[in-house]
């Protein structure tokens, strides 16, 4: 919901601080989840209005609703993850082709066998 994202983005975000070990640590005023939610909402606003907004895609899998940023050079990526949705699609397509090929082979083999049996029966 657009209003919910905008409302969350208006709240104070988490603030990044330099940690003693050289890493980054996050702190929020009030120590509630609103700072985290605000940070995520602001990142969403930046993403949907930024340089890669035209590269945001919906996963091509029928049973997946995830969005992703297509960073491929030609901009033709179809899946949120090749390991998940892309692989499942390719496995289904392979099985469909294999099953179809097996059906054609079996029916051709049956016809040949039937012809041999009929020929043998006529010779008797």
PDB file of N, CA and C in Angstrom:
ATOM      1  N   UNK A   1       0.854  -1.171   0.000  1.00  0.00           N
ATOM      2  CA  UNK A   1       0.000   0.000   0.000  1.00  0.00           C
ATOM      3  C   UNK A   1       0.900   1.234   0.000  1.00  0.00           C
ATOM      4  N   UNK A   2       0.674   2.087  -0.952  1.00  0.00           N
ATOM      5  CA  UNK A   2       1.497   3.283  -1.130  1.00  0.00           C
ATOM      6  C   UNK A   2       1.457   4.203   0.081  1.00  0.00           C
ATOM      7  N   UNK A   3       0.290   4.390   0.660  1.00  0.00           N
ATOM      8  CA  UNK A   3       0.160   5.268   1.830  1.00  0.00           C
ATOM      9  C   UNK A   3       0.945   4.720   3.016  1.00  0.00           C
ATOM     10  N   UNK A   4       0.929   3.404   3.199  1.00  0.00           N
ATOM     11  CA  UNK A   4       1.660   2.790   4.316  1.00  0.00           C
ATOM     12  C   UNK A   4       3.167   2.964   4.148  1.00  0.00           C
ATOM     13  N   UNK A   5       3.663   2.799   2.919  1.00  0.00           N
ATOM     14  CA  UNK A   5       5.097   2.981   2.660  1.00  0.00           C
ATOM     15  C   UNK A   5       5.492   4.429   2.929  1.00  0.00           C
ATOM     16  N   UNK A   6       4.708   5.359   2.428  1.00  0.00           N
ATOM     17  CA  UNK A   6       5.020   6.779   2.641  1.00  0.00           C
ATOM     18  C   UNK A   6       4.948   7.155   4.115  1.00  0.00           C
ATOM     19  N   UNK A   7       3.963   6.622   4.835  1.00  0.00           N
ATOM     20  CA  UNK A   7       3.838   6.895   6.265  1.00  0.00           C
ATOM     21  C   UNK A   7       5.059   6.370   7.022  1.00  0.00           C
ATOM     22  N   UNK A   8       5.477   5.155   6.700  1.00  0.00           N
ATOM     23  CA  UNK A   8       6.644   4.568   7.368  1.00  0.00           C
ATOM     24  C   UNK A   8       7.917   5.341   7.031  1.00  0.00           C
ATOM     25  N   UNK A   9       8.037   5.795   5.786  1.00  0.00           N
ATOM     26  CA  UNK A   9       9.238   6.525   5.363  1.00  0.00           C
ATOM     27  C   UNK A   9       9.371   7.871   6.063  1.00  0.00           C
ATOM     28  N   UNK A  10       8.265   8.433   6.534  1.00  0.00           N
ATOM     29  CA  UNK A  10       8.302   9.731   7.217  1.00  0.00           C
ATOM     30  C   UNK A  10       8.834   9.637   8.645  1.00  0.00           C
ATOM     31  N   UNK A  11       8.825   8.476   9.221  1.00  0.00           N
ATOM     32  CA  UNK A  11       9.267   8.304  10.611  1.00  0.00           C
ATOM     33  C   UNK A  11      10.798   8.319  10.677  1.00  0.00           C
ATOM     34  N   UNK A  12      11.351   8.553  11.855  1.00  0.00           N
ATOM     35  CA  UNK A  12      12.823   8.576  11.975  1.00  0.00           C
ATOM     36  C   UNK A  12      13.428   7.209  11.635  1.00  0.00           C
ATOM     37  N   UNK A  13      14.443   7.193  10.787  1.00  0.00           N
ATOM     38  CA  UNK A  13      15.060   5.922  10.388  1.00  0.00           C
ATOM     39  C   UNK A  13      16.106   5.458  11.403  1.00  0.00           C
ATOM     40  N   UNK A  14      16.632   4.277  11.159  1.00  0.00           N
ATOM     41  CA  UNK A  14      17.804   3.825  11.907  1.00  0.00           C
ATOM     42  C   UNK A  14      18.975   4.717  11.522  1.00  0.00           C
ATOM     43  N   UNK A  15      19.920   4.853  12.414  1.00  0.00           N
ATOM     44  CA  UNK A  15      21.120   5.615  12.074  1.00  0.00           C
ATOM     45  C   UNK A  15      22.323   4.690  12.128  1.00  0.00           C
ATOM     46  N   UNK A  16      23.176   4.840  11.150  1.00  0.00           N
ATOM     47  CA  UNK A  16      24.390   4.031  11.089  1.00  0.00           C
ATOM     48  C   UNK A  16      25.478   4.719  11.896  1.00  0.00           C
ATOM     49  N   UNK A  17      26.217   3.897  12.633  1.00  0.00           N
ATOM     50  CA  UNK A  17      27.342   4.425  13.410  1.00  0.00           C
ATOM     51  C   UNK A  17      28.541   3.523  13.182  1.00  0.00           C
ATOM     52  N   UNK A  18      29.700   4.104  13.262  1.00  0.00           N
ATOM     53  CA  UNK A  18      30.933   3.350  13.114  1.00  0.00           C
ATOM     54  C   UNK A  18      31.208   2.605  14.411  1.00  0.00           C
ATOM     55  N   UNK A  19      31.381   1.297  14.317  1.00  0.00           N
ATOM     56  CA  UNK A  19      31.651   0.470  15.491  1.00  0.00           C
ATOM     57  C   UNK A  19      33.142   0.479  15.799  1.00  0.00           C
ATOM     58  N   UNK A  20      33.499   0.092  17.008  1.00  0.00           N
ATOM     59  CA  UNK A  20      34.900   0.071  17.441  1.00  0.00           C
ATOM     60  C   UNK A  20      35.742  -0.870  16.584  1.00  0.00           C
ATOM     61  N   UNK A  21      35.132  -1.939  16.074  1.00  0.00           N
ATOM     62  CA  UNK A  21      35.884  -2.896  15.253  1.00  0.00           C
ATOM     63  C   UNK A  21      35.984  -2.466  13.788  1.00  0.00           C
ATOM     64  N   UNK A  22      35.490  -1.274  13.450  1.00  0.00           N
ATOM     65  CA  UNK A  22      35.566  -0.771  12.081  1.00  0.00           C
ATOM     66  C   UNK A  22      34.333  -1.095  11.260  1.00  0.00           C
ATOM     67  N   UNK A  23      33.434  -1.899  11.817  1.00  0.00           N
ATOM     68  CA  UNK A  23      32.199  -2.237  11.111  1.00  0.00           C
ATOM     69  C   UNK A  23      31.130  -1.177  11.325  1.00  0.00           C
ATOM     70  N   UNK A  24      29.938  -1.515  10.933  1.00  0.00           N
ATOM     71  CA  UNK A  24      28.812  -0.602  11.069  1.00  0.00           C
ATOM     72  C   UNK A  24      27.825  -1.181  12.071  1.00  0.00           C
ATOM     73  N   UNK A  25      27.283  -0.315  12.904  1.00  0.00           N
ATOM     74  CA  UNK A  25      26.213  -0.731  13.796  1.00  0.00           C
ATOM     75  C   UNK A  25      25.055   0.237  13.627  1.00  0.00           C
ATOM     76  N   UNK A  26      23.881  -0.248  13.909  1.00  0.00           N
ATOM     77  CA  UNK A  26      22.675   0.545  13.717  1.00  0.00           C
ATOM     78  C   UNK A  26      22.056   0.880  15.057  1.00  0.00           C
ATOM     79  N   UNK A  27      21.536   2.076  15.158  1.00  0.00           N
ATOM     80  CA  UNK A  27      20.818   2.451  16.372  1.00  0.00           C
ATOM     81  C   UNK A  27      19.541   3.178  15.971  1.00  0.00           C
ATOM     82  N   UNK A  28      18.553   3.072  16.843  1.00  0.00           N
ATOM     83  CA  UNK A  28      17.270   3.719  16.573  1.00  0.00           C
ATOM     84  C   UNK A  28      16.813   4.456  17.808  1.00  0.00           C
ATOM     85  N   UNK A  29      16.293   5.632  17.616  1.00  0.00           N
ATOM     86  CA  UNK A  29      15.726   6.383  18.734  1.00  0.00           C
ATOM     87  C   UNK A  29      14.468   5.664  19.199  1.00  0.00           C
ATOM     88  N   UNK A  30      14.363   5.422  20.492  1.00  0.00           N
ATOM     89  CA  UNK A  30      13.184   4.759  21.018  1.00  0.00           C
ATOM     90  C   UNK A  30      13.268   3.246  20.991  1.00  0.00           C
ATOM     91  N   UNK A  31      14.221   2.680  20.283  1.00  0.00           N
ATOM     92  CA  UNK A  31      14.444   1.231  20.210  1.00  0.00           C
ATOM     93  C   UNK A  31      13.172   0.445  19.898  1.00  0.00           C
ATOM     94  N   UNK A  32      12.405   0.906  18.926  1.00  0.00           N
ATOM     95  CA  UNK A  32      11.228   0.159  18.479  1.00  0.00           C
ATOM     96  C   UNK A  32      11.452  -0.281  17.042  1.00  0.00           C
ATOM     97  N   UNK A  33      10.503  -1.002  16.498  1.00  0.00           N
ATOM     98  CA  UNK A  33      10.612  -1.462  15.119  1.00  0.00           C
ATOM     99  C   UNK A  33      10.331  -0.380  14.097  1.00  0.00           C
ATOM    100  N   UNK A  34       9.866   0.777  14.543  1.00  0.00           N
ATOM    101  CA  UNK A  34       9.539   1.831  13.574  1.00  0.00           C
ATOM    102  C   UNK A  34      10.768   2.364  12.852  1.00  0.00           C
ATOM    103  N   UNK A  35      11.906   2.382  13.529  1.00  0.00           N
ATOM    104  CA  UNK A  35      13.135   2.837  12.875  1.00  0.00           C
ATOM    105  C   UNK A  35      13.544   1.897  11.759  1.00  0.00           C
ATOM    106  N   UNK A  36      13.434   0.603  12.024  1.00  0.00           N
ATOM    107  CA  UNK A  36      13.753  -0.394  11.007  1.00  0.00           C
ATOM    108  C   UNK A  36      12.770  -0.293   9.843  1.00  0.00           C
ATOM    109  N   UNK A  37      11.492  -0.212  10.153  1.00  0.00           N
ATOM    110  CA  UNK A  37      10.471  -0.095   9.116  1.00  0.00           C
ATOM    111  C   UNK A  37      10.672   1.175   8.285  1.00  0.00           C
ATOM    112  N   UNK A  38      11.034   2.262   8.938  1.00  0.00           N
ATOM    113  CA  UNK A  38      11.286   3.512   8.232  1.00  0.00           C
ATOM    114  C   UNK A  38      12.473   3.375   7.282  1.00  0.00           C
ATOM    115  N   UNK A  39      13.526   2.710   7.735  1.00  0.00           N
ATOM    116  CA  UNK A  39      14.710   2.514   6.895  1.00  0.00           C
ATOM    117  C   UNK A  39      14.366   1.684   5.661  1.00  0.00           C
ATOM    118  N   UNK A  40      13.605   0.609   5.858  1.00  0.00           N
ATOM    119  CA  UNK A  40      13.196  -0.239   4.733  1.00  0.00           C
ATOM    120  C   UNK A  40      12.301   0.551   3.774  1.00  0.00           C
ATOM    121  N   UNK A  41      11.369   1.321   4.308  1.00  0.00           N
ATOM    122  CA  UNK A  41      10.466   2.115   3.465  1.00  0.00           C
ATOM    123  C   UNK A  41      11.241   3.157   2.660  1.00  0.00           C
ATOM    124  N   UNK A  42      12.216   3.805   3.285  1.00  0.00           N
ATOM    125  CA  UNK A  42      13.025   4.796   2.562  1.00  0.00           C
ATOM    126  C   UNK A  42      13.840   4.137   1.453  1.00  0.00           C
ATOM    127  N   UNK A  43      14.376   2.958   1.742  1.00  0.00           N
ATOM    128  CA  UNK A  43      15.101   2.227   0.702  1.00  0.00           C
ATOM    129  C   UNK A  43      14.166   1.867  -0.454  1.00  0.00           C
ATOM    130  N   UNK A  44      12.921   1.490  -0.145  1.00  0.00           N
ATOM    131  CA  UNK A  44      11.943   1.170  -1.193  1.00  0.00           C
ATOM    132  C   UNK A  44      11.652   2.399  -2.048  1.00  0.00           C
ATOM    133  N   UNK A  45      11.482   3.541  -1.413  1.00  0.00           N
ATOM    134  CA  UNK A  45      11.239   4.784  -2.157  1.00  0.00           C
ATOM    135  C   UNK A  45      12.432   5.081  -3.064  1.00  0.00           C
ATOM    136  N   UNK A  46      13.649   4.934  -2.533  1.00  0.00           N
ATOM    137  CA  UNK A  46      14.854   5.163  -3.345  1.00  0.00           C
ATOM    138  C   UNK A  46      14.918   4.200  -4.527  1.00  0.00           C
ATOM    139  N   UNK A  47      14.581   2.932  -4.288  1.00  0.00           N
ATOM    140  CA  UNK A  47      14.631   1.929  -5.347  1.00  0.00           C
ATOM    141  C   UNK A  47      13.614   2.233  -6.444  1.00  0.00           C
ATOM    142  N   UNK A  48      12.377   2.492  -6.066  1.00  0.00           N
ATOM    143  CA  UNK A  48      11.316   2.697  -7.056  1.00  0.00           C
ATOM    144  C   UNK A  48      11.391   4.037  -7.778  1.00  0.00           C
ATOM    145  N   UNK A  49      12.212   4.947  -7.279  1.00  0.00           N
ATOM    146  CA  UNK A  49      12.363   6.239  -7.955  1.00  0.00           C
ATOM    147  C   UNK A  49      13.783   6.461  -8.464  1.00  0.00           C
ATOM    148  N   UNK A  50      14.652   5.493  -8.262  1.00  0.00           N
ATOM    149  CA  UNK A  50      16.058   5.657  -8.591  1.00  0.00           C
ATOM    150  C   UNK A  50      16.435   5.218  -9.988  1.00  0.00           C
ATOM    151  N   UNK A  51      17.734   5.080 -10.183  1.00  0.00           N
ATOM    152  CA  UNK A  51      18.302   4.771 -11.494  1.00  0.00           C
ATOM    153  C   UNK A  51      17.893   3.404 -12.031  1.00  0.00           C
ATOM    154  N   UNK A  52      17.556   2.459 -11.163  1.00  0.00           N
ATOM    155  CA  UNK A  52      17.202   1.112 -11.610  1.00  0.00           C
ATOM    156  C   UNK A  52      15.697   0.849 -11.588  1.00  0.00           C
ATOM    157  N   UNK A  53      14.902   1.884 -11.419  1.00  0.00           N
ATOM    158  CA  UNK A  53      13.442   1.705 -11.356  1.00  0.00           C
ATOM    159  C   UNK A  53      12.901   1.019 -12.611  1.00  0.00           C
ATOM    160  N   UNK A  54      13.456   1.333 -13.764  1.00  0.00           N
ATOM    161  CA  UNK A  54      12.990   0.722 -15.014  1.00  0.00           C
ATOM    162  C   UNK A  54      13.425  -0.739 -15.148  1.00  0.00           C
ATOM    163  N   UNK A  55      14.291  -1.207 -14.257  1.00  0.00           N
ATOM    164  CA  UNK A  55      14.766  -2.587 -14.290  1.00  0.00           C
ATOM    165  C   UNK A  55      14.088  -3.476 -13.246  1.00  0.00           C
ATOM    166  N   UNK A  56      13.097  -2.957 -12.550  1.00  0.00           N
ATOM    167  CA  UNK A  56      12.376  -3.764 -11.564  1.00  0.00           C
ATOM    168  C   UNK A  56      11.418  -4.675 -12.317  1.00  0.00           C
ATOM    169  N   UNK A  57      11.484  -5.957 -12.017  1.00  0.00           N
ATOM    170  CA  UNK A  57      10.669  -6.963 -12.703  1.00  0.00           C
ATOM    171  C   UNK A  57       9.929  -7.829 -11.688  1.00  0.00           C
ATOM    172  N   UNK A  58       8.865  -8.452 -12.157  1.00  0.00           N
ATOM    173  CA  UNK A  58       8.162  -9.473 -11.388  1.00  0.00           C
ATOM    174  C   UNK A  58       8.669 -10.818 -11.875  1.00  0.00           C
ATOM    175  N   UNK A  59       8.892 -11.741 -10.969  1.00  0.00           N
ATOM    176  CA  UNK A  59       9.378 -13.070 -11.327  1.00  0.00           C
ATOM    177  C   UNK A  59       8.422 -13.715 -12.329  1.00  0.00           C
ATOM    178  N   UNK A  60       8.974 -14.430 -13.298  1.00  0.00           N
ATOM    179  CA  UNK A  60       8.187 -15.074 -14.345  1.00  0.00           C
ATOM    180  C   UNK A  60       7.516 -16.365 -13.932  1.00  0.00           C
ATOM    181  N   UNK A  61       7.803 -16.870 -12.739  1.00  0.00           N
ATOM    182  CA  UNK A  61       7.163 -18.107 -12.276  1.00  0.00           C
ATOM    183  C   UNK A  61       5.719 -17.820 -11.882  1.00  0.00           C
ATOM    184  N   UNK A  62       4.823 -18.719 -12.269  1.00  0.00           N
ATOM    185  CA  UNK A  62       3.400 -18.536 -11.973  1.00  0.00           C
ATOM    186  C   UNK A  62       3.106 -18.490 -10.484  1.00  0.00           C
ATOM    187  N   UNK A  63       3.884 -19.209  -9.699  1.00  0.00           N
ATOM    188  CA  UNK A  63       3.611 -19.314  -8.263  1.00  0.00           C
ATOM    189  C   UNK A  63       4.538 -18.441  -7.412  1.00  0.00           C
ATOM    190  N   UNK A  64       5.162 -17.433  -8.005  1.00  0.00           N
ATOM    191  CA  UNK A  64       6.067 -16.540  -7.274  1.00  0.00           C
ATOM    192  C   UNK A  64       5.634 -15.093  -7.486  1.00  0.00           C
ATOM    193  N   UNK A  65       5.617 -14.333  -6.411  1.00  0.00           N
ATOM    194  CA  UNK A  65       5.202 -12.931  -6.495  1.00  0.00           C
ATOM    195  C   UNK A  65       6.353 -11.975  -6.184  1.00  0.00           C
ATOM    196  N   UNK A  66       7.579 -12.467  -6.148  1.00  0.00           N
ATOM    197  CA  UNK A  66       8.714 -11.626  -5.791  1.00  0.00           C
ATOM    198  C   UNK A  66       9.081 -10.657  -6.913  1.00  0.00           C
ATOM    199  N   UNK A  67       9.630  -9.531  -6.503  1.00  0.00           N
ATOM    200  CA  UNK A  67      10.184  -8.551  -7.425  1.00  0.00           C
ATOM    201  C   UNK A  67      11.700  -8.643  -7.362  1.00  0.00           C
ATOM    202  N   UNK A  68      12.361  -8.262  -8.434  1.00  0.00           N
ATOM    203  CA  UNK A  68      13.820  -8.226  -8.435  1.00  0.00           C
ATOM    204  C   UNK A  68      14.284  -7.114  -9.360  1.00  0.00           C
ATOM    205  N   UNK A  69      15.525  -6.707  -9.187  1.00  0.00           N
ATOM    206  CA  UNK A  69      16.137  -5.719 -10.073  1.00  0.00           C
ATOM    207  C   UNK A  69      16.961  -6.486 -11.099  1.00  0.00           C
ATOM    208  N   UNK A  70      16.609  -6.333 -12.356  1.00  0.00           N
ATOM    209  CA  UNK A  70      17.305  -7.018 -13.441  1.00  0.00           C
ATOM    210  C   UNK A  70      18.578  -6.253 -13.771  1.00  0.00           C
ATOM    211  N   UNK A  71      19.703  -6.777 -13.324  1.00  0.00           N
ATOM    212  CA  UNK A  71      20.990  -6.137 -13.593  1.00  0.00           C
ATOM    213  C   UNK A  71      21.741  -6.820 -14.728  1.00  0.00           C
ATOM    214  N   UNK A  72      21.077  -7.744 -15.431  1.00  0.00           N
ATOM    215  CA  UNK A  72      21.737  -8.401 -16.556  1.00  0.00           C
ATOM    216  C   UNK A  72      21.963  -7.383 -17.675  1.00  0.00           C
ATOM    217  N   UNK A  73      22.989  -7.587 -18.446  1.00  0.00           N
ATOM    218  CA  UNK A  73      23.345  -6.635 -19.496  1.00  0.00           C
ATOM    219  C   UNK A  73      22.207  -6.420 -20.505  1.00  0.00           C
ATOM    220  N   UNK A  74      21.594  -7.490 -21.048  1.00  0.00           N
ATOM    221  CA  UNK A  74      20.519  -7.241 -22.018  1.00  0.00           C
ATOM    222  C   UNK A  74      19.168  -6.898 -21.380  1.00  0.00           C
ATOM    223  N   UNK A  75      19.045  -7.083 -20.066  1.00  0.00           N
ATOM    224  CA  UNK A  75      17.780  -6.776 -19.399  1.00  0.00           C
ATOM    225  C   UNK A  75      16.693  -7.789 -19.682  1.00  0.00           C
ATOM    226  N   UNK A  76      17.072  -9.051 -19.856  1.00  0.00           N
ATOM    227  CA  UNK A  76      16.115 -10.101 -20.214  1.00  0.00           C
ATOM    228  C   UNK A  76      15.903 -11.142 -19.115  1.00  0.00           C
ATOM    229  N   UNK A  77      16.369 -10.876 -17.927  1.00  0.00           N
ATOM    230  CA  UNK A  77      16.231 -11.846 -16.842  1.00  0.00           C
ATOM    231  C   UNK A  77      14.751 -12.101 -16.555  1.00  0.00           C
ATOM    232  N   UNK A  78      14.388 -13.364 -16.276  1.00  0.00           N
ATOM    233  CA  UNK A  78      12.987 -13.731 -16.063  1.00  0.00           C
ATOM    234  C   UNK A  78      12.667 -14.139 -14.637  1.00  0.00           C
ATOM    235  N   UNK A  79      13.658 -14.593 -13.886  1.00  0.00           N
ATOM    236  CA  UNK A  79      13.393 -15.209 -12.592  1.00  0.00           C
ATOM    237  C   UNK A  79      13.998 -14.403 -11.451  1.00  0.00           C
ATOM    238  N   UNK A  80      13.346 -14.444 -10.298  1.00  0.00           N
ATOM    239  CA  UNK A  80      13.912 -13.797  -9.112  1.00  0.00           C
ATOM    240  C   UNK A  80      15.209 -14.498  -8.739  1.00  0.00           C
ATOM    241  N   UNK A  81      15.237 -15.815  -8.938  1.00  0.00           N
ATOM    242  CA  UNK A  81      16.412 -16.616  -8.636  1.00  0.00           C
ATOM    243  C   UNK A  81      16.458 -17.798  -9.595  1.00  0.00           C
ATOM    244  N   UNK A  82      17.560 -17.979 -10.268  1.00  0.00           N
ATOM    245  CA  UNK A  82      17.704 -19.119 -11.162  1.00  0.00           C
ATOM    246  C   UNK A  82      17.700 -20.415 -10.365  1.00  0.00           C
ATOM    247  N   UNK A  83      18.273 -20.381  -9.155  1.00  0.00           N
ATOM    248  CA  UNK A  83      18.344 -21.574  -8.321  1.00  0.00           C
ATOM    249  C   UNK A  83      16.962 -22.024  -7.865  1.00  0.00           C
ATOM    250  N   UNK A  84      16.032 -21.106  -7.735  1.00  0.00           N
ATOM    251  CA  UNK A  84      14.707 -21.452  -7.237  1.00  0.00           C
ATOM    252  C   UNK A  84      13.699 -21.533  -8.386  1.00  0.00           C
ATOM    253  N   UNK A  85      13.232 -20.420  -8.839  1.00  0.00           N
ATOM    254  CA  UNK A  85      12.150 -20.380  -9.827  1.00  0.00           C
ATOM    255  C   UNK A  85      12.609 -20.789 -11.228  1.00  0.00           C
ATOM    256  N   UNK A  86      13.755 -20.328 -11.657  1.00  0.00           N
ATOM    257  CA  UNK A  86      14.244 -20.675 -12.985  1.00  0.00           C
ATOM    258  C   UNK A  86      14.510 -22.158 -13.125  1.00  0.00           C
ATOM    259  N   UNK A  87      15.125 -22.757 -12.128  1.00  0.00           N
ATOM    260  CA  UNK A  87      15.414 -24.181 -12.172  1.00  0.00           C
ATOM    261  C   UNK A  87      14.125 -25.000 -12.177  1.00  0.00           C
ATOM    262  N   UNK A  88      13.156 -24.634 -11.343  1.00  0.00           N
ATOM    263  CA  UNK A  88      11.883 -25.370 -11.315  1.00  0.00           C
ATOM    264  C   UNK A  88      11.199 -25.306 -12.676  1.00  0.00           C
ATOM    265  N   UNK A  89      11.226 -24.144 -13.319  1.00  0.00           N
ATOM    266  CA  UNK A  89      10.611 -24.006 -14.640  1.00  0.00           C
ATOM    267  C   UNK A  89      11.321 -24.896 -15.662  1.00  0.00           C
ATOM    268  N   UNK A  90      12.638 -24.880 -15.637  1.00  0.00           N
ATOM    269  CA  UNK A  90      13.395 -25.686 -16.595  1.00  0.00           C
ATOM    270  C   UNK A  90      13.201 -27.184 -16.361  1.00  0.00           C
ATOM    271  N   UNK A  91      13.094 -27.600 -15.105  1.00  0.00           N
ATOM    272  CA  UNK A  91      12.840 -29.015 -14.802  1.00  0.00           C
ATOM    273  C   UNK A  91      11.467 -29.416 -15.334  1.00  0.00           C
ATOM    274  N   UNK A  92      10.447 -28.579 -15.098  1.00  0.00           N
ATOM    275  CA  UNK A  92       9.096 -28.881 -15.605  1.00  0.00           C
ATOM    276  C   UNK A  92       9.094 -28.984 -17.130  1.00  0.00           C
ATOM    277  N   UNK A  93       9.757 -28.062 -17.795  1.00  0.00           N
ATOM    278  CA  UNK A  93       9.804 -28.079 -19.260  1.00  0.00           C
ATOM    279  C   UNK A  93      10.523 -29.328 -19.761  1.00  0.00           C
ATOM    280  N   UNK A  94      11.615 -29.697 -19.103  1.00  0.00           N
ATOM    281  CA  UNK A  94      12.353 -30.902 -19.492  1.00  0.00           C
ATOM    282  C   UNK A  94      11.490 -32.145 -19.313  1.00  0.00           C
ATOM    283  N   UNK A  95      10.807 -32.224 -18.176  1.00  0.00           N
ATOM    284  CA  UNK A  95       9.938 -33.387 -17.931  1.00  0.00           C
ATOM    285  C   UNK A  95       8.814 -33.460 -18.957  1.00  0.00           C
ATOM    286  N   UNK A  96       8.258 -32.331 -19.316  1.00  0.00           N
ATOM    287  CA  UNK A  96       7.188 -32.316 -20.320  1.00  0.00           C
ATOM    288  C   UNK A  96       7.715 -32.798 -21.669  1.00  0.00           C
ATOM    289  N   UNK A  97       8.908 -32.342 -22.055  1.00  0.00           N
ATOM    290  CA  UNK A  97       9.499 -32.795 -23.320  1.00  0.00           C
ATOM    291  C   UNK A  97       9.819 -34.274 -23.271  1.00  0.00           C
ATOM    292  N   UNK A  98      10.386 -34.724 -22.159  1.00  0.00           N
ATOM    293  CA  UNK A  98      10.762 -36.129 -22.011  1.00  0.00           C
ATOM    294  C   UNK A  98       9.529 -37.018 -22.030  1.00  0.00           C
ATOM    295  N   UNK A  99       8.492 -36.635 -21.313  1.00  0.00           N
ATOM    296  CA  UNK A  99       7.255 -37.410 -21.285  1.00  0.00           C
ATOM    297  C   UNK A  99       6.636 -37.459 -22.668  1.00  0.00           C
ATOM    298  N   UNK A 100       6.643 -36.353 -23.381  1.00  0.00           N
ATOM    299  CA  UNK A 100       6.100 -36.297 -24.728  1.00  0.00           C
ATOM    300  C   UNK A 100       6.899 -37.201 -25.664  1.00  0.00           C
ATOM    301  N   UNK A 101       8.212 -37.177 -25.566  1.00  0.00           N
ATOM    302  CA  UNK A 101       9.066 -38.026 -26.407  1.00  0.00           C
ATOM    303  C   UNK A 101       8.856 -39.494 -26.066  1.00  0.00           C
ATOM    304  N   UNK A 102       8.713 -39.833 -24.782  1.00  0.00           N
ATOM    305  CA  UNK A 102       8.472 -41.218 -24.374  1.00  0.00           C
ATOM    306  C   UNK A 102       7.145 -41.716 -24.921  1.00  0.00           C
ATOM    307  N   UNK A 103       6.130 -40.895 -24.923  1.00  0.00           N
ATOM    308  CA  UNK A 103       4.815 -41.272 -25.436  1.00  0.00           C
ATOM    309  C   UNK A 103       4.892 -41.551 -26.927  1.00  0.00           C
ATOM    310  N   UNK A 104       5.597 -40.708 -27.683  1.00  0.00           N
ATOM    311  CA  UNK A 104       5.735 -40.929 -29.123  1.00  0.00           C
ATOM    312  C   UNK A 104       6.497 -42.214 -29.401  1.00  0.00           C
ATOM    313  N   UNK A 105       7.562 -42.479 -28.674  1.00  0.00           N
ATOM    314  CA  UNK A 105       8.362 -43.683 -28.874  1.00  0.00           C
ATOM    315  C   UNK A 105       7.541 -44.921 -28.557  1.00  0.00           C
ATOM    316  N   UNK A 106       6.802 -44.897 -27.466  1.00  0.00           N
ATOM    317  CA  UNK A 106       6.000 -46.044 -27.066  1.00  0.00           C
ATOM    318  C   UNK A 106       4.922 -46.332 -28.097  1.00  0.00           C
ATOM    319  N   UNK A 107       4.237 -45.323 -28.605  1.00  0.00           N
ATOM    320  CA  UNK A 107       3.160 -45.569 -29.560  1.00  0.00           C
ATOM    321  C   UNK A 107       3.718 -46.083 -30.882  1.00  0.00           C
ATOM    322  N   UNK A 108       4.858 -45.606 -31.317  1.00  0.00           N
ATOM    323  CA  UNK A 108       5.472 -46.112 -32.542  1.00  0.00           C
ATOM    324  C   UNK A 108       5.877 -47.559 -32.342  1.00  0.00           C
ATOM    325  N   UNK A 109       6.469 -47.876 -31.206  1.00  0.00           N
ATOM    326  CA  UNK A 109       6.866 -49.252 -30.909  1.00  0.00           C
ATOM    327  C   UNK A 109       5.668 -50.182 -30.860  1.00  0.00           C
ATOM    328  N   UNK A 110       4.554 -49.748 -30.332  1.00  0.00           N
ATOM    329  CA  UNK A 110       3.350 -50.566 -30.250  1.00  0.00           C
ATOM    330  C   UNK A 110       2.812 -50.854 -31.638  1.00  0.00           C
ATOM    331  N   UNK A 111       2.784 -49.849 -32.495  1.00  0.00           N
ATOM    332  CA  UNK A 111       2.284 -50.061 -33.851  1.00  0.00           C
ATOM    333  C   UNK A 111       3.150 -51.071 -34.599  1.00  0.00           C
ATOM    334  N   UNK A 112       4.430 -50.979 -34.453  1.00  0.00           N
ATOM    335  CA  UNK A 112       5.330 -51.911 -35.128  1.00  0.00           C
ATOM    336  C   UNK A 112       5.102 -53.326 -34.621  1.00  0.00           C
ATOM    337  N   UNK A 113       4.987 -53.479 -33.322  1.00  0.00           N
ATOM    338  CA  UNK A 113       4.759 -54.797 -32.734  1.00  0.00           C
ATOM    339  C   UNK A 113       3.431 -55.358 -33.207  1.00  0.00           C
ATOM    340  N   UNK A 114       2.380 -54.547 -33.260  1.00  0.00           N
ATOM    341  CA  UNK A 114       1.067 -55.007 -33.703  1.00  0.00           C
ATOM    342  C   UNK A 114       1.130 -55.474 -35.149  1.00  0.00           C
ATOM    343  N   UNK A 115       1.843 -54.767 -35.995  1.00  0.00           N
ATOM    344  CA  UNK A 115       1.949 -55.145 -37.404  1.00  0.00           C
ATOM    345  C   UNK A 115       2.632 -56.491 -37.546  1.00  0.00           C
ATOM    346  N   UNK A 116       3.647 -56.745 -36.747  1.00  0.00           N
ATOM    347  CA  UNK A 116       4.352 -58.023 -36.799  1.00  0.00           C
ATOM    348  C   UNK A 116       3.422 -59.143 -36.360  1.00  0.00           C
ATOM    349  N   UNK A 117       2.643 -58.931 -35.336  1.00  0.00           N
ATOM    350  CA  UNK A 117       1.726 -59.958 -34.834  1.00  0.00           C
ATOM    351  C   UNK A 117       0.682 -60.276 -35.888  1.00  0.00           C
ATOM    352  N   UNK A 118       0.107 -59.265 -36.531  1.00  0.00           N
ATOM    353  CA  UNK A 118      -0.911 -59.500 -37.557  1.00  0.00           C
ATOM    354  C   UNK A 118      -0.322 -60.275 -38.734  1.00  0.00           C
ATOM    355  N   UNK A 119       0.863 -59.943 -39.135  1.00  0.00           N
ATOM    356  CA  UNK A 119       1.506 -60.645 -40.242  1.00  0.00           C
ATOM    357  C   UNK A 119       1.718 -62.099 -39.876  1.00  0.00           C
ATOM    358  N   UNK A 120       2.154 -62.346 -38.669  1.00  0.00           N
ATOM    359  CA  UNK A 120       2.383 -63.717 -38.217  1.00  0.00           C
ATOM    360  C   UNK A 120       1.074 -64.488 -38.180  1.00  0.00           C
ATOM    361  N   UNK A 121      -0.004 -63.863 -37.749  1.00  0.00           N
ATOM    362  CA  UNK A 121      -1.295 -64.542 -37.670  1.00  0.00           C
ATOM    363  C   UNK A 121      -1.812 -64.876 -39.068  1.00  0.00           C
ATOM    364  N   UNK A 122      -1.543 -64.075 -40.065  1.00  0.00           N
ATOM    365  CA  UNK A 122      -2.018 -64.328 -41.427  1.00  0.00           C
ATOM    366  C   UNK A 122      -1.276 -65.493 -42.069  1.00  0.00           C
ATOM    367  N   UNK A 123      -0.043 -65.713 -41.710  1.00  0.00           N
ATOM    368  CA  UNK A 123       0.735 -66.796 -42.292  1.00  0.00           C
ATOM    369  C   UNK A 123       0.254 -68.156 -41.813  1.00  0.00           C
ATOM    370  N   UNK A 124      -0.440 -68.230 -40.709  1.00  0.00           N
ATOM    371  CA  UNK A 124      -0.883 -69.531 -40.169  1.00  0.00           C
ATOM    372  C   UNK A 124      -1.970 -70.123 -40.938  1.00  0.00           C
TER     373      UNK A 124
END
